[in-house]
Amino acid sequence: MIGGTSAVAPLWAGLIALINANNGNPAGFINTALYNNPTALNDITQGNNGSFSASPGWDACTGLGSPIGPSLVNVL
């Protein structure tokens, strides 16, 4: 998939909406939970976006990585 933030913002919104429905309450501000539980995301360690390269852990190219939906249900 390509598209950057234009593609990923609605994908995250949909994922959080499903998590909220599953958990029966709003997830709220999720950044702290994500950074405290990085294993709930697939760490992207290869590739680049033309300006930044992916590397283990947080990086400017991929952030914390791509979400693992079932793991995020438990975390949020």
PDB file of N, CA and C in Angstrom:
ATOM      1  N   MET A   1       0.847  -1.175   0.000  1.00  0.00           N
ATOM      2  CA  MET A   1       0.000   0.000   0.000  1.00  0.00           C
ATOM      3  C   MET A   1       0.892   1.237   0.000  1.00  0.00           C
ATOM      4  N   ILE A   2       0.482   2.228  -0.748  1.00  0.00           N
ATOM      5  CA  ILE A   2       1.190   3.499  -0.758  1.00  0.00           C
ATOM      6  C   ILE A   2       0.209   4.613  -0.446  1.00  0.00           C
ATOM      7  N   GLY A   3       0.680   5.760  -0.082  1.00  0.00           N
ATOM      8  CA  GLY A   3      -0.212   6.876   0.150  1.00  0.00           C
ATOM      9  C   GLY A   3       0.157   7.707   1.350  1.00  0.00           C
ATOM     10  N   GLY A   4       1.077   7.247   2.193  1.00  0.00           N
ATOM     11  CA  GLY A   4       1.499   8.033   3.344  1.00  0.00           C
ATOM     12  C   GLY A   4       0.371   8.338   4.301  1.00  0.00           C
ATOM     13  N   THR A   5       0.416   9.541   4.886  1.00  0.00           N
ATOM     14  CA  THR A   5      -0.572   9.899   5.914  1.00  0.00           C
ATOM     15  C   THR A   5      -1.985   9.965   5.355  1.00  0.00           C
ATOM     16  N   SER A   6      -2.125  10.269   4.073  1.00  0.00           N
ATOM     17  CA  SER A   6      -3.459  10.319   3.480  1.00  0.00           C
ATOM     18  C   SER A   6      -4.127   8.949   3.498  1.00  0.00           C
ATOM     19  N   ALA A   7      -3.331   7.917   3.431  1.00  0.00           N
ATOM     20  CA  ALA A   7      -3.875   6.558   3.465  1.00  0.00           C
ATOM     21  C   ALA A   7      -3.962   6.023   4.887  1.00  0.00           C
ATOM     22  N   VAL A   8      -2.980   6.330   5.712  1.00  0.00           N
ATOM     23  CA  VAL A   8      -2.907   5.694   7.027  1.00  0.00           C
ATOM     24  C   VAL A   8      -3.845   6.331   8.055  1.00  0.00           C
ATOM     25  N   ALA A   9      -4.133   7.606   7.936  1.00  0.00           N
ATOM     26  CA  ALA A   9      -5.018   8.254   8.916  1.00  0.00           C
ATOM     27  C   ALA A   9      -6.394   7.603   8.958  1.00  0.00           C
ATOM     28  N   PRO A  10      -7.058   7.370   7.811  1.00  0.00           N
ATOM     29  CA  PRO A  10      -8.353   6.695   7.895  1.00  0.00           C
ATOM     30  C   PRO A  10      -8.247   5.230   8.327  1.00  0.00           C
ATOM     31  N   LEU A  11      -7.132   4.587   8.014  1.00  0.00           N
ATOM     32  CA  LEU A  11      -6.953   3.204   8.460  1.00  0.00           C
ATOM     33  C   LEU A  11      -6.858   3.140   9.983  1.00  0.00           C
ATOM     34  N   TRP A  12      -6.070   4.042  10.585  1.00  0.00           N
ATOM     35  CA  TRP A  12      -5.969   4.096  12.055  1.00  0.00           C
ATOM     36  C   TRP A  12      -7.309   4.470  12.664  1.00  0.00           C
ATOM     37  N   ALA A  13      -8.022   5.412  12.054  1.00  0.00           N
ATOM     38  CA  ALA A  13      -9.329   5.827  12.587  1.00  0.00           C
ATOM     39  C   ALA A  13     -10.284   4.644  12.619  1.00  0.00           C
ATOM     40  N   GLY A  14     -10.305   3.865  11.549  1.00  0.00           N
ATOM     41  CA  GLY A  14     -11.164   2.683  11.502  1.00  0.00           C
ATOM     42  C   GLY A  14     -10.754   1.646  12.533  1.00  0.00           C
ATOM     43  N   LEU A  15      -9.450   1.428  12.673  1.00  0.00           N
ATOM     44  CA  LEU A  15      -8.955   0.459  13.658  1.00  0.00           C
ATOM     45  C   LEU A  15      -9.334   0.880  15.076  1.00  0.00           C
ATOM     46  N   ILE A  16      -9.155   2.152  15.401  1.00  0.00           N
ATOM     47  CA  ILE A  16      -9.501   2.630  16.740  1.00  0.00           C
ATOM     48  C   ILE A  16     -11.009   2.543  16.962  1.00  0.00           C
ATOM     49  N   ALA A  17     -11.806   2.826  15.929  1.00  0.00           N
ATOM     50  CA  ALA A  17     -13.264   2.693  16.062  1.00  0.00           C
ATOM     51  C   ALA A  17     -13.651   1.248  16.370  1.00  0.00           C
ATOM     52  N   LEU A  18     -13.024   0.292  15.691  1.00  0.00           N
ATOM     53  CA  LEU A  18     -13.299  -1.124  15.968  1.00  0.00           C
ATOM     54  C   LEU A  18     -12.846  -1.517  17.370  1.00  0.00           C
ATOM     55  N   ILE A  19     -11.696  -1.019  17.798  1.00  0.00           N
ATOM     56  CA  ILE A  19     -11.207  -1.306  19.153  1.00  0.00           C
ATOM     57  C   ILE A  19     -12.151  -0.717  20.192  1.00  0.00           C
ATOM     58  N   ASN A  20     -12.600   0.522  19.975  1.00  0.00           N
ATOM     59  CA  ASN A  20     -13.555   1.142  20.898  1.00  0.00           C
ATOM     60  C   ASN A  20     -14.827   0.310  20.998  1.00  0.00           C
ATOM     61  N   ALA A  21     -15.351  -0.142  19.859  1.00  0.00           N
ATOM     62  CA  ALA A  21     -16.573  -0.960  19.858  1.00  0.00           C
ATOM     63  C   ALA A  21     -16.331  -2.285  20.579  1.00  0.00           C
ATOM     64  N   ASN A  22     -15.179  -2.903  20.336  1.00  0.00           N
ATOM     65  CA  ASN A  22     -14.864  -4.185  20.965  1.00  0.00           C
ATOM     66  C   ASN A  22     -14.702  -4.043  22.479  1.00  0.00           C
ATOM     67  N   ASN A  23     -14.020  -2.987  22.905  1.00  0.00           N
ATOM     68  CA  ASN A  23     -13.739  -2.810  24.327  1.00  0.00           C
ATOM     69  C   ASN A  23     -14.868  -2.128  25.086  1.00  0.00           C
ATOM     70  N   GLY A  24     -15.795  -1.523  24.366  1.00  0.00           N
ATOM     71  CA  GLY A  24     -16.939  -0.887  25.020  1.00  0.00           C
ATOM     72  C   GLY A  24     -16.644   0.462  25.646  1.00  0.00           C
ATOM     73  N   ASN A  25     -15.482   1.029  25.344  1.00  0.00           N
ATOM     74  CA  ASN A  25     -15.149   2.362  25.844  1.00  0.00           C
ATOM     75  C   ASN A  25     -14.130   2.995  24.901  1.00  0.00           C
ATOM     76  N   PRO A  26     -14.033   4.334  24.912  1.00  0.00           N
ATOM     77  CA  PRO A  26     -13.087   4.989  24.006  1.00  0.00           C
ATOM     78  C   PRO A  26     -11.637   4.772  24.429  1.00  0.00           C
ATOM     79  N   ALA A  27     -10.797   4.590  23.455  1.00  0.00           N
ATOM     80  CA  ALA A  27      -9.371   4.389  23.722  1.00  0.00           C
ATOM     81  C   ALA A  27      -8.720   5.660  24.251  1.00  0.00           C
ATOM     82  N   GLY A  28      -9.235   6.821  23.859  1.00  0.00           N
ATOM     83  CA  GLY A  28      -8.667   8.082  24.318  1.00  0.00           C
ATOM     84  C   GLY A  28      -7.313   8.353  23.674  1.00  0.00           C
ATOM     85  N   PHE A  29      -6.464   9.066  24.379  1.00  0.00           N
ATOM     86  CA  PHE A  29      -5.122   9.405  23.892  1.00  0.00           C
ATOM     87  C   PHE A  29      -4.266   8.150  23.914  1.00  0.00           C
ATOM     88  N   ILE A  30      -3.898   7.633  22.747  1.00  0.00           N
ATOM     89  CA  ILE A  30      -3.258   6.319  22.665  1.00  0.00           C
ATOM     90  C   ILE A  30      -1.737   6.364  22.615  1.00  0.00           C
ATOM     91  N   ASN A  31      -1.137   7.522  22.426  1.00  0.00           N
ATOM     92  CA  ASN A  31       0.319   7.576  22.237  1.00  0.00           C
ATOM     93  C   ASN A  31       1.097   6.929  23.380  1.00  0.00           C
ATOM     94  N   THR A  32       0.744   7.230  24.615  1.00  0.00           N
ATOM     95  CA  THR A  32       1.464   6.663  25.757  1.00  0.00           C
ATOM     96  C   THR A  32       1.377   5.141  25.752  1.00  0.00           C
ATOM     97  N   ALA A  33       0.183   4.616  25.482  1.00  0.00           N
ATOM     98  CA  ALA A  33       0.006   3.156  25.446  1.00  0.00           C
ATOM     99  C   ALA A  33       0.834   2.532  24.333  1.00  0.00           C
ATOM    100  N   LEU A  34       0.907   3.187  23.168  1.00  0.00           N
ATOM    101  CA  LEU A  34       1.693   2.647  22.056  1.00  0.00           C
ATOM    102  C   LEU A  34       3.180   2.620  22.385  1.00  0.00           C
ATOM    103  N   TYR A  35       3.693   3.724  22.926  1.00  0.00           N
ATOM    104  CA  TYR A  35       5.123   3.779  23.248  1.00  0.00           C
ATOM    105  C   TYR A  35       5.483   2.844  24.397  1.00  0.00           C
ATOM    106  N   ASN A  36       4.548   2.573  25.296  1.00  0.00           N
ATOM    107  CA  ASN A  36       4.801   1.641  26.394  1.00  0.00           C
ATOM    108  C   ASN A  36       4.637   0.192  25.988  1.00  0.00           C
ATOM    109  N   ASN A  37       4.050  -0.056  24.808  1.00  0.00           N
ATOM    110  CA  ASN A  37       3.806  -1.424  24.322  1.00  0.00           C
ATOM    111  C   ASN A  37       4.211  -1.555  22.860  1.00  0.00           C
ATOM    112  N   PRO A  38       5.475  -1.350  22.541  1.00  0.00           N
ATOM    113  CA  PRO A  38       5.878  -1.375  21.134  1.00  0.00           C
ATOM    114  C   PRO A  38       5.695  -2.733  20.461  1.00  0.00           C
ATOM    115  N   THR A  39       5.553  -3.802  21.230  1.00  0.00           N
ATOM    116  CA  THR A  39       5.345  -5.114  20.609  1.00  0.00           C
ATOM    117  C   THR A  39       3.935  -5.256  20.042  1.00  0.00           C
ATOM    118  N   ALA A  40       3.069  -4.265  20.280  1.00  0.00           N
ATOM    119  CA  ALA A  40       1.732  -4.271  19.676  1.00  0.00           C
ATOM    120  C   ALA A  40       1.779  -3.745  18.247  1.00  0.00           C
ATOM    121  N   LEU A  41       2.977  -3.440  17.776  1.00  0.00           N
ATOM    122  CA  LEU A  41       3.173  -2.971  16.409  1.00  0.00           C
ATOM    123  C   LEU A  41       4.294  -3.764  15.751  1.00  0.00           C
ATOM    124  N   ASN A  42       4.197  -3.938  14.442  1.00  0.00           N
ATOM    125  CA  ASN A  42       5.262  -4.586  13.671  1.00  0.00           C
ATOM    126  C   ASN A  42       6.354  -3.560  13.413  1.00  0.00           C
ATOM    127  N   ASP A  43       7.515  -3.761  13.980  1.00  0.00           N
ATOM    128  CA  ASP A  43       8.624  -2.841  13.775  1.00  0.00           C
ATOM    129  C   ASP A  43       9.143  -3.002  12.348  1.00  0.00           C
ATOM    130  N   ILE A  44       9.107  -1.940  11.575  1.00  0.00           N
ATOM    131  CA  ILE A  44       9.620  -1.945  10.206  1.00  0.00           C
ATOM    132  C   ILE A  44      11.091  -1.547  10.287  1.00  0.00           C
ATOM    133  N   THR A  45      11.972  -2.421   9.820  1.00  0.00           N
ATOM    134  CA  THR A  45      13.407  -2.178   9.993  1.00  0.00           C
ATOM    135  C   THR A  45      14.157  -1.982   8.679  1.00  0.00           C
ATOM    136  N   GLN A  46      13.466  -2.113   7.551  1.00  0.00           N
ATOM    137  CA  GLN A  46      14.126  -1.937   6.264  1.00  0.00           C
ATOM    138  C   GLN A  46      13.299  -1.013   5.392  1.00  0.00           C
ATOM    139  N   GLY A  47      13.978  -0.277   4.542  1.00  0.00           N
ATOM    140  CA  GLY A  47      13.316   0.595   3.594  1.00  0.00           C
ATOM    141  C   GLY A  47      13.562   2.058   3.927  1.00  0.00           C
ATOM    142  N   ASN A  48      13.014   2.934   3.090  1.00  0.00           N
ATOM    143  CA  ASN A  48      13.159   4.365   3.308  1.00  0.00           C
ATOM    144  C   ASN A  48      12.028   5.092   2.600  1.00  0.00           C
ATOM    145  N   ASN A  49      11.909   6.360   2.882  1.00  0.00           N
ATOM    146  CA  ASN A  49      10.891   7.176   2.232  1.00  0.00           C
ATOM    147  C   ASN A  49      11.532   8.273   1.376  1.00  0.00           C
ATOM    148  N   GLY A  50      12.781   8.095   1.044  1.00  0.00           N
ATOM    149  CA  GLY A  50      13.509   9.067   0.256  1.00  0.00           C
ATOM    150  C   GLY A  50      14.304  10.041   1.102  1.00  0.00           C
ATOM    151  N   SER A  51      13.853  10.298   2.307  1.00  0.00           N
ATOM    152  CA  SER A  51      14.549  11.222   3.205  1.00  0.00           C
ATOM    153  C   SER A  51      15.090  10.532   4.450  1.00  0.00           C
ATOM    154  N   PHE A  52      14.383   9.514   4.929  1.00  0.00           N
ATOM    155  CA  PHE A  52      14.751   8.821   6.160  1.00  0.00           C
ATOM    156  C   PHE A  52      14.734   7.328   5.921  1.00  0.00           C
ATOM    157  N   SER A  53      15.562   6.604   6.661  1.00  0.00           N
ATOM    158  CA  SER A  53      15.619   5.146   6.560  1.00  0.00           C
ATOM    159  C   SER A  53      14.980   4.501   7.776  1.00  0.00           C
ATOM    160  N   ALA A  54      14.375   3.337   7.547  1.00  0.00           N
ATOM    161  CA  ALA A  54      13.818   2.553   8.644  1.00  0.00           C
ATOM    162  C   ALA A  54      14.955   1.912   9.429  1.00  0.00           C
ATOM    163  N   SER A  55      14.727   1.727  10.724  1.00  0.00           N
ATOM    164  CA  SER A  55      15.710   1.077  11.587  1.00  0.00           C
ATOM    165  C   SER A  55      14.957   0.462  12.760  1.00  0.00           C
ATOM    166  N   PRO A  56      15.592  -0.395  13.555  1.00  0.00           N
ATOM    167  CA  PRO A  56      14.908  -0.982  14.706  1.00  0.00           C
ATOM    168  C   PRO A  56      14.430   0.106  15.675  1.00  0.00           C
ATOM    169  N   GLY A  57      13.257  -0.097  16.244  1.00  0.00           N
ATOM    170  CA  GLY A  57      12.665   0.879  17.152  1.00  0.00           C
ATOM    171  C   GLY A  57      12.038   2.031  16.389  1.00  0.00           C
ATOM    172  N   TRP A  58      11.757   3.109  17.090  1.00  0.00           N
ATOM    173  CA  TRP A  58      11.145   4.267  16.452  1.00  0.00           C
ATOM    174  C   TRP A  58      12.117   4.884  15.462  1.00  0.00           C
ATOM    175  N   ASP A  59      11.607   5.276  14.297  1.00  0.00           N
ATOM    176  CA  ASP A  59      12.400   6.027  13.336  1.00  0.00           C
ATOM    177  C   ASP A  59      11.467   6.986  12.595  1.00  0.00           C
ATOM    178  N   ALA A  60      12.066   8.003  11.996  1.00  0.00           N
ATOM    179  CA  ALA A  60      11.281   9.042  11.324  1.00  0.00           C
ATOM    180  C   ALA A  60      10.597   8.536  10.063  1.00  0.00           C
ATOM    181  N   CYS A  61      11.011   7.399   9.552  1.00  0.00           N
ATOM    182  CA  CYS A  61      10.425   6.846   8.338  1.00  0.00           C
ATOM    183  C   CYS A  61       9.145   6.061   8.629  1.00  0.00           C
ATOM    184  N   THR A  62       9.159   5.237   9.669  1.00  0.00           N
ATOM    185  CA  THR A  62       8.020   4.344   9.929  1.00  0.00           C
ATOM    186  C   THR A  62       7.424   4.501  11.319  1.00  0.00           C
ATOM    187  N   GLY A  63       7.927   5.427  12.113  1.00  0.00           N
ATOM    188  CA  GLY A  63       7.423   5.583  13.474  1.00  0.00           C
ATOM    189  C   GLY A  63       7.701   4.339  14.285  1.00  0.00           C
ATOM    190  N   LEU A  64       6.686   3.845  14.974  1.00  0.00           N
ATOM    191  CA  LEU A  64       6.826   2.599  15.742  1.00  0.00           C
ATOM    192  C   LEU A  64       6.549   1.372  14.891  1.00  0.00           C
ATOM    193  N   GLY A  65       5.999   1.556  13.691  1.00  0.00           N
ATOM    194  CA  GLY A  65       5.704   0.442  12.804  1.00  0.00           C
ATOM    195  C   GLY A  65       4.228   0.360  12.473  1.00  0.00           C
ATOM    196  N   SER A  66       3.820  -0.775  11.969  1.00  0.00           N
ATOM    197  CA  SER A  66       2.417  -0.979  11.576  1.00  0.00           C
ATOM    198  C   SER A  66       1.668  -1.695  12.699  1.00  0.00           C
ATOM    199  N   PRO A  67       0.386  -1.381  12.862  1.00  0.00           N
ATOM    200  CA  PRO A  67      -0.371  -1.937  13.987  1.00  0.00           C
ATOM    201  C   PRO A  67      -0.664  -3.429  13.837  1.00  0.00           C
ATOM    202  N   ILE A  68      -0.685  -4.114  14.966  1.00  0.00           N
ATOM    203  CA  ILE A  68      -1.155  -5.497  15.048  1.00  0.00           C
ATOM    204  C   ILE A  68      -2.504  -5.407  15.762  1.00  0.00           C
ATOM    205  N   GLY A  69      -3.577  -5.435  14.983  1.00  0.00           N
ATOM    206  CA  GLY A  69      -4.923  -5.191  15.510  1.00  0.00           C
ATOM    207  C   GLY A  69      -5.271  -5.934  16.786  1.00  0.00           C
ATOM    208  N   PRO A  70      -5.185  -7.270  16.813  1.00  0.00           N
ATOM    209  CA  PRO A  70      -5.562  -8.001  18.028  1.00  0.00           C
ATOM    210  C   PRO A  70      -4.727  -7.604  19.257  1.00  0.00           C
ATOM    211  N   SER A  71      -3.458  -7.295  19.050  1.00  0.00           N
ATOM    212  CA  SER A  71      -2.613  -6.867  20.168  1.00  0.00           C
ATOM    213  C   SER A  71      -3.054  -5.510  20.700  1.00  0.00           C
ATOM    214  N   LEU A  72      -3.455  -4.625  19.791  1.00  0.00           N
ATOM    215  CA  LEU A  72      -3.880  -3.299  20.209  1.00  0.00           C
ATOM    216  C   LEU A  72      -5.181  -3.336  20.997  1.00  0.00           C
ATOM    217  N   VAL A  73      -6.050  -4.295  20.711  1.00  0.00           N
ATOM    218  CA  VAL A  73      -7.294  -4.433  21.484  1.00  0.00           C
ATOM    219  C   VAL A  73      -6.954  -4.613  22.942  1.00  0.00           C
ATOM    220  N   ASN A  74      -5.969  -5.444  23.247  1.00  0.00           N
ATOM    221  CA  ASN A  74      -5.572  -5.698  24.638  1.00  0.00           C
ATOM    222  C   ASN A  74      -4.865  -4.511  25.263  1.00  0.00           C
ATOM    223  N   VAL A  75      -4.049  -3.819  24.476  1.00  0.00           N
ATOM    224  CA  VAL A  75      -3.263  -2.693  24.978  1.00  0.00           C
ATOM    225  C   VAL A  75      -4.148  -1.481  25.261  1.00  0.00           C
ATOM    226  N   LEU A  76      -5.129  -1.251  24.394  1.00  0.00           N
ATOM    227  CA  LEU A  76      -5.962  -0.053  24.526  1.00  0.00           C
ATOM    228  C   LEU A  76      -7.237  -0.343  25.282  1.00  0.00           C
TER     229      LEU A  76
END
